[in-house]
Amino acid sequence: MANRHRGETTLMVAGDALPMRLTLGALAELEHAFAVDSLPALGERFIDGRLSARDIIRILAAGLRGAGSAIRDEDVAGLSFDGGLSGAIKAAIALLEATFGEGDTGRPPQPPGA
């Protein structure tokens, strides 16, 4: 069971709940992937809610790896998400909210200090 107080969420794939968590290592991986140099800059990257398919893949893959999976981005791209694209997007947003804290706007919140 995912512990949202620890930033944990799940990704539903073919009826299985795969654990996700953005550890510091996973966040550093995302900073590198999105060519930003800080957590506030990473938050800014997501704050407007416009995420590409590649963004979703990177976020989900980093979250799966942060929870201990050895999955590659390419493997995530080929998964059959419960709920299809909408399910993948909701899972990515839930992971960002669990990591940075839930906002009241329905958009991924900005990290503290941004």
N, C-alpha and C. Protein backbone atom coordinates (compact mmCIF):
# COMPACT_ATOMS: atom_id res chain seq x y z
N MET A 1 0.84 -1.18 0.00
CA MET A 1 0.00 0.00 0.00
C MET A 1 0.89 1.25 0.00
N ALA A 2 0.56 2.21 -0.86
CA ALA A 2 1.34 3.44 -0.98
C ALA A 2 1.14 4.33 0.25
N ASN A 3 2.22 4.91 0.72
CA ASN A 3 2.19 5.83 1.84
C ASN A 3 2.43 7.24 1.31
N ARG A 4 1.35 8.00 1.11
CA ARG A 4 1.46 9.35 0.53
C ARG A 4 2.29 10.28 1.41
N HIS A 5 2.36 10.02 2.71
CA HIS A 5 3.18 10.87 3.59
C HIS A 5 4.67 10.70 3.30
N ARG A 6 5.03 9.60 2.66
CA ARG A 6 6.41 9.36 2.24
C ARG A 6 6.60 9.67 0.76
N GLY A 7 5.57 10.20 0.12
CA GLY A 7 5.66 10.53 -1.29
C GLY A 7 5.43 9.35 -2.21
N GLU A 8 4.83 8.29 -1.69
CA GLU A 8 4.61 7.09 -2.49
C GLU A 8 3.24 7.11 -3.16
N THR A 9 3.19 6.63 -4.38
CA THR A 9 1.94 6.45 -5.12
C THR A 9 2.06 5.14 -5.89
N THR A 10 1.04 4.84 -6.66
CA THR A 10 1.10 3.63 -7.48
C THR A 10 0.75 3.96 -8.91
N LEU A 11 1.24 3.12 -9.80
CA LEU A 11 0.91 3.16 -11.22
C LEU A 11 0.20 1.86 -11.53
N MET A 12 -1.01 1.96 -12.04
CA MET A 12 -1.79 0.77 -12.36
C MET A 12 -1.48 0.32 -13.78
N VAL A 13 -0.97 -0.91 -13.89
CA VAL A 13 -0.61 -1.50 -15.17
C VAL A 13 -1.16 -2.92 -15.21
N ALA A 14 -2.07 -3.16 -16.14
CA ALA A 14 -2.67 -4.48 -16.32
C ALA A 14 -3.22 -5.02 -15.00
N GLY A 15 -3.84 -4.16 -14.21
CA GLY A 15 -4.45 -4.56 -12.94
C GLY A 15 -3.49 -4.66 -11.78
N ASP A 16 -2.20 -4.45 -12.01
CA ASP A 16 -1.20 -4.49 -10.94
C ASP A 16 -0.85 -3.08 -10.49
N ALA A 17 -0.72 -2.89 -9.18
CA ALA A 17 -0.32 -1.61 -8.61
C ALA A 17 1.19 -1.60 -8.45
N LEU A 18 1.88 -0.83 -9.29
CA LEU A 18 3.34 -0.72 -9.22
C LEU A 18 3.70 0.48 -8.36
N PRO A 19 4.54 0.30 -7.33
CA PRO A 19 4.89 1.43 -6.46
C PRO A 19 5.78 2.44 -7.16
N MET A 20 5.56 3.71 -6.82
CA MET A 20 6.39 4.80 -7.34
C MET A 20 6.74 5.75 -6.19
N ARG A 21 7.92 6.35 -6.30
CA ARG A 21 8.38 7.33 -5.32
C ARG A 21 9.51 8.13 -5.94
N LEU A 22 9.45 9.45 -5.78
CA LEU A 22 10.54 10.29 -6.29
C LEU A 22 11.52 10.57 -5.15
N THR A 23 12.54 9.73 -5.06
CA THR A 23 13.61 9.93 -4.10
C THR A 23 14.49 11.10 -4.57
N LEU A 24 15.45 11.48 -3.76
CA LEU A 24 16.38 12.53 -4.20
C LEU A 24 17.11 12.11 -5.46
N GLY A 25 17.48 10.84 -5.54
CA GLY A 25 18.14 10.35 -6.75
C GLY A 25 17.24 10.44 -7.97
N ALA A 26 15.97 10.08 -7.79
CA ALA A 26 15.01 10.17 -8.89
C ALA A 26 14.78 11.63 -9.30
N LEU A 27 14.74 12.52 -8.32
CA LEU A 27 14.57 13.95 -8.63
C LEU A 27 15.80 14.49 -9.37
N ALA A 28 17.00 14.06 -8.95
CA ALA A 28 18.22 14.47 -9.65
C ALA A 28 18.19 13.96 -11.09
N GLU A 29 17.68 12.75 -11.28
CA GLU A 29 17.54 12.19 -12.62
C GLU A 29 16.61 13.06 -13.47
N LEU A 30 15.50 13.51 -12.89
CA LEU A 30 14.56 14.37 -13.62
C LEU A 30 15.17 15.74 -13.90
N GLU A 31 15.93 16.29 -12.93
CA GLU A 31 16.60 17.57 -13.18
C GLU A 31 17.51 17.45 -14.41
N HIS A 32 18.25 16.36 -14.47
CA HIS A 32 19.15 16.13 -15.60
C HIS A 32 18.36 15.95 -16.91
N ALA A 33 17.31 15.12 -16.86
CA ALA A 33 16.52 14.84 -18.06
C ALA A 33 15.86 16.09 -18.62
N PHE A 34 15.45 17.01 -17.74
CA PHE A 34 14.77 18.22 -18.18
C PHE A 34 15.70 19.43 -18.25
N ALA A 35 17.00 19.19 -18.07
CA ALA A 35 18.02 20.23 -18.19
C ALA A 35 17.73 21.44 -17.31
N VAL A 36 17.41 21.17 -16.04
CA VAL A 36 17.24 22.24 -15.05
C VAL A 36 18.24 22.01 -13.93
N ASP A 37 18.54 23.07 -13.18
CA ASP A 37 19.60 22.95 -12.19
C ASP A 37 19.13 23.00 -10.74
N SER A 38 17.81 22.93 -10.51
CA SER A 38 17.32 22.97 -9.14
C SER A 38 15.91 22.41 -9.04
N LEU A 39 15.51 22.07 -7.82
CA LEU A 39 14.14 21.61 -7.61
C LEU A 39 13.11 22.68 -7.95
N PRO A 40 13.33 23.95 -7.56
CA PRO A 40 12.37 24.97 -7.98
C PRO A 40 12.23 25.07 -9.50
N ALA A 41 13.34 24.94 -10.22
CA ALA A 41 13.28 24.98 -11.68
C ALA A 41 12.53 23.76 -12.22
N LEU A 42 12.69 22.63 -11.57
CA LEU A 42 11.96 21.44 -11.97
C LEU A 42 10.45 21.65 -11.76
N GLY A 43 10.09 22.24 -10.62
CA GLY A 43 8.69 22.56 -10.36
C GLY A 43 8.12 23.50 -11.40
N GLU A 44 8.90 24.50 -11.78
CA GLU A 44 8.46 25.44 -12.81
C GLU A 44 8.20 24.72 -14.13
N ARG A 45 8.99 23.71 -14.39
CA ARG A 45 8.85 22.93 -15.63
C ARG A 45 7.48 22.26 -15.70
N PHE A 46 6.92 21.90 -14.52
CA PHE A 46 5.66 21.18 -14.47
C PHE A 46 4.46 22.04 -14.09
N ILE A 47 4.68 23.23 -13.58
CA ILE A 47 3.61 24.01 -12.96
C ILE A 47 2.47 24.36 -13.90
N ASP A 48 2.74 24.55 -15.17
CA ASP A 48 1.66 24.95 -16.07
C ASP A 48 0.81 23.77 -16.52
N GLY A 49 1.21 22.55 -16.13
CA GLY A 49 0.41 21.37 -16.43
C GLY A 49 0.51 20.87 -17.86
N ARG A 50 1.34 21.51 -18.68
CA ARG A 50 1.51 21.05 -20.06
C ARG A 50 2.64 20.04 -20.10
N LEU A 51 2.27 18.77 -20.12
CA LEU A 51 3.24 17.70 -20.12
C LEU A 51 3.18 16.95 -21.45
N SER A 52 4.34 16.68 -22.02
CA SER A 52 4.39 15.90 -23.25
C SER A 52 4.35 14.41 -22.90
N ALA A 53 4.14 13.58 -23.89
CA ALA A 53 4.16 12.14 -23.68
C ALA A 53 5.52 11.72 -23.13
N ARG A 54 6.59 12.31 -23.66
CA ARG A 54 7.94 11.99 -23.18
C ARG A 54 8.11 12.40 -21.72
N ASP A 55 7.53 13.55 -21.33
CA ASP A 55 7.57 13.98 -19.93
C ASP A 55 6.92 12.94 -19.03
N ILE A 56 5.74 12.46 -19.43
CA ILE A 56 5.02 11.47 -18.64
C ILE A 56 5.86 10.21 -18.49
N ILE A 57 6.45 9.76 -19.57
CA ILE A 57 7.30 8.57 -19.52
C ILE A 57 8.45 8.78 -18.53
N ARG A 58 9.12 9.91 -18.63
CA ARG A 58 10.27 10.19 -17.74
C ARG A 58 9.86 10.25 -16.28
N ILE A 59 8.74 10.91 -16.00
CA ILE A 59 8.26 11.04 -14.62
C ILE A 59 7.91 9.68 -14.05
N LEU A 60 7.13 8.90 -14.80
CA LEU A 60 6.72 7.58 -14.32
C LEU A 60 7.93 6.66 -14.15
N ALA A 61 8.84 6.66 -15.11
CA ALA A 61 10.02 5.80 -15.02
C ALA A 61 10.88 6.18 -13.82
N ALA A 62 11.09 7.46 -13.60
CA ALA A 62 11.88 7.90 -12.44
C ALA A 62 11.19 7.49 -11.14
N GLY A 63 9.87 7.61 -11.09
CA GLY A 63 9.12 7.21 -9.91
C GLY A 63 9.20 5.71 -9.66
N LEU A 64 9.11 4.92 -10.71
CA LEU A 64 9.23 3.47 -10.57
C LEU A 64 10.63 3.09 -10.10
N ARG A 65 11.65 3.72 -10.69
CA ARG A 65 13.03 3.44 -10.27
C ARG A 65 13.27 3.90 -8.84
N GLY A 66 12.67 5.04 -8.46
CA GLY A 66 12.81 5.54 -7.09
C GLY A 66 12.22 4.58 -6.07
N ALA A 67 11.24 3.79 -6.49
CA ALA A 67 10.63 2.79 -5.60
C ALA A 67 11.32 1.43 -5.70
N GLY A 68 12.41 1.35 -6.50
CA GLY A 68 13.20 0.14 -6.53
C GLY A 68 13.13 -0.70 -7.79
N SER A 69 12.33 -0.30 -8.77
CA SER A 69 12.26 -1.05 -10.02
C SER A 69 13.49 -0.75 -10.88
N ALA A 70 13.90 -1.72 -11.66
CA ALA A 70 15.04 -1.54 -12.58
C ALA A 70 14.54 -1.25 -14.00
N ILE A 71 13.39 -0.64 -14.12
CA ILE A 71 12.75 -0.40 -15.42
C ILE A 71 13.41 0.76 -16.17
N ARG A 72 13.45 0.63 -17.50
CA ARG A 72 14.00 1.69 -18.35
C ARG A 72 12.85 2.53 -18.90
N ASP A 73 13.17 3.77 -19.31
CA ASP A 73 12.16 4.64 -19.93
C ASP A 73 11.48 3.93 -21.09
N GLU A 74 12.25 3.23 -21.91
CA GLU A 74 11.71 2.54 -23.07
C GLU A 74 10.68 1.49 -22.67
N ASP A 75 10.93 0.83 -21.53
CA ASP A 75 9.98 -0.17 -21.03
C ASP A 75 8.68 0.49 -20.58
N VAL A 76 8.79 1.63 -19.92
CA VAL A 76 7.60 2.36 -19.46
C VAL A 76 6.77 2.79 -20.66
N ALA A 77 7.42 3.21 -21.72
CA ALA A 77 6.71 3.66 -22.93
C ALA A 77 5.85 2.55 -23.52
N GLY A 78 6.20 1.31 -23.30
CA GLY A 78 5.46 0.19 -23.85
C GLY A 78 4.44 -0.44 -22.92
N LEU A 79 4.28 0.10 -21.71
CA LEU A 79 3.33 -0.48 -20.76
C LEU A 79 1.89 -0.21 -21.17
N SER A 80 1.01 -1.10 -20.74
CA SER A 80 -0.43 -0.94 -20.97
C SER A 80 -1.05 -0.40 -19.68
N PHE A 81 -1.17 0.91 -19.59
CA PHE A 81 -1.66 1.57 -18.38
C PHE A 81 -3.15 1.36 -18.21
N ASP A 82 -3.58 1.04 -16.99
CA ASP A 82 -5.01 1.02 -16.71
C ASP A 82 -5.52 2.44 -16.90
N GLY A 83 -6.57 2.60 -17.65
CA GLY A 83 -7.09 3.93 -17.94
C GLY A 83 -6.43 4.57 -19.14
N GLY A 84 -5.54 3.84 -19.82
CA GLY A 84 -4.89 4.37 -21.01
C GLY A 84 -4.04 5.60 -20.73
N LEU A 85 -4.01 6.50 -21.69
CA LEU A 85 -3.23 7.72 -21.56
C LEU A 85 -3.67 8.53 -20.35
N SER A 86 -4.97 8.62 -20.15
CA SER A 86 -5.49 9.36 -19.01
C SER A 86 -4.99 8.78 -17.69
N GLY A 87 -4.93 7.45 -17.59
CA GLY A 87 -4.42 6.81 -16.39
C GLY A 87 -2.96 7.12 -16.15
N ALA A 88 -2.17 7.16 -17.22
CA ALA A 88 -0.75 7.48 -17.10
C ALA A 88 -0.56 8.93 -16.65
N ILE A 89 -1.32 9.85 -17.25
CA ILE A 89 -1.22 11.26 -16.88
C ILE A 89 -1.62 11.46 -15.42
N LYS A 90 -2.72 10.86 -15.00
CA LYS A 90 -3.17 10.99 -13.61
C LYS A 90 -2.13 10.44 -12.64
N ALA A 91 -1.50 9.32 -13.00
CA ALA A 91 -0.47 8.73 -12.14
C ALA A 91 0.73 9.65 -12.02
N ALA A 92 1.15 10.27 -13.12
CA ALA A 92 2.30 11.18 -13.09
C ALA A 92 1.98 12.40 -12.22
N ILE A 93 0.79 12.96 -12.38
CA ILE A 93 0.40 14.12 -11.58
C ILE A 93 0.29 13.75 -10.11
N ALA A 94 -0.28 12.59 -9.81
CA ALA A 94 -0.38 12.14 -8.42
C ALA A 94 1.01 11.98 -7.79
N LEU A 95 1.97 11.48 -8.58
CA LEU A 95 3.33 11.33 -8.09
C LEU A 95 3.96 12.68 -7.78
N LEU A 96 3.78 13.65 -8.67
CA LEU A 96 4.31 15.00 -8.43
C LEU A 96 3.65 15.62 -7.20
N GLU A 97 2.35 15.45 -7.07
CA GLU A 97 1.64 16.00 -5.90
C GLU A 97 2.11 15.33 -4.61
N ALA A 98 2.31 14.02 -4.64
CA ALA A 98 2.78 13.30 -3.45
C ALA A 98 4.19 13.74 -3.07
N THR A 99 4.99 14.11 -4.05
CA THR A 99 6.37 14.52 -3.80
C THR A 99 6.46 15.95 -3.30
N PHE A 100 5.78 16.86 -4.00
CA PHE A 100 5.91 18.29 -3.70
C PHE A 100 4.80 18.84 -2.81
N GLY A 101 3.77 18.05 -2.54
CA GLY A 101 2.64 18.52 -1.74
C GLY A 101 1.50 18.91 -2.65
N GLU A 102 0.28 18.63 -2.20
CA GLU A 102 -0.89 18.92 -3.01
C GLU A 102 -1.21 20.40 -2.99
N GLY A 103 -1.51 20.92 -4.16
CA GLY A 103 -1.94 22.30 -4.28
C GLY A 103 -3.44 22.38 -4.40
N ASP A 104 -4.00 23.58 -4.34
CA ASP A 104 -5.44 23.72 -4.44
C ASP A 104 -5.88 24.11 -5.84
N THR A 105 -4.97 24.10 -6.79
CA THR A 105 -5.32 24.51 -8.14
C THR A 105 -5.58 23.32 -9.06
N GLY A 106 -5.29 22.12 -8.59
CA GLY A 106 -5.43 20.95 -9.43
C GLY A 106 -4.24 20.74 -10.35
N ARG A 107 -3.25 21.62 -10.28
CA ARG A 107 -2.04 21.50 -11.09
C ARG A 107 -0.90 21.02 -10.20
N PRO A 108 0.14 20.42 -10.78
CA PRO A 108 1.28 20.04 -9.97
C PRO A 108 1.85 21.26 -9.26
N PRO A 109 2.03 21.19 -7.96
CA PRO A 109 2.52 22.34 -7.21
C PRO A 109 4.00 22.60 -7.41
N GLN A 110 4.38 23.81 -7.11
CA GLN A 110 5.78 24.21 -7.19
C GLN A 110 6.47 23.80 -5.90
N PRO A 111 7.72 23.33 -5.96
CA PRO A 111 8.44 22.95 -4.74
C PRO A 111 8.64 24.18 -3.84
N PRO A 112 8.84 23.94 -2.53
CA PRO A 112 9.10 25.05 -1.62
C PRO A 112 10.29 25.87 -2.07
N GLY A 113 10.21 27.17 -1.88
CA GLY A 113 11.29 28.08 -2.21
C GLY A 113 11.31 28.53 -3.64
N ALA A 114 10.35 28.09 -4.41
CA ALA A 114 10.33 28.46 -5.84
C ALA A 114 9.64 29.79 -6.04
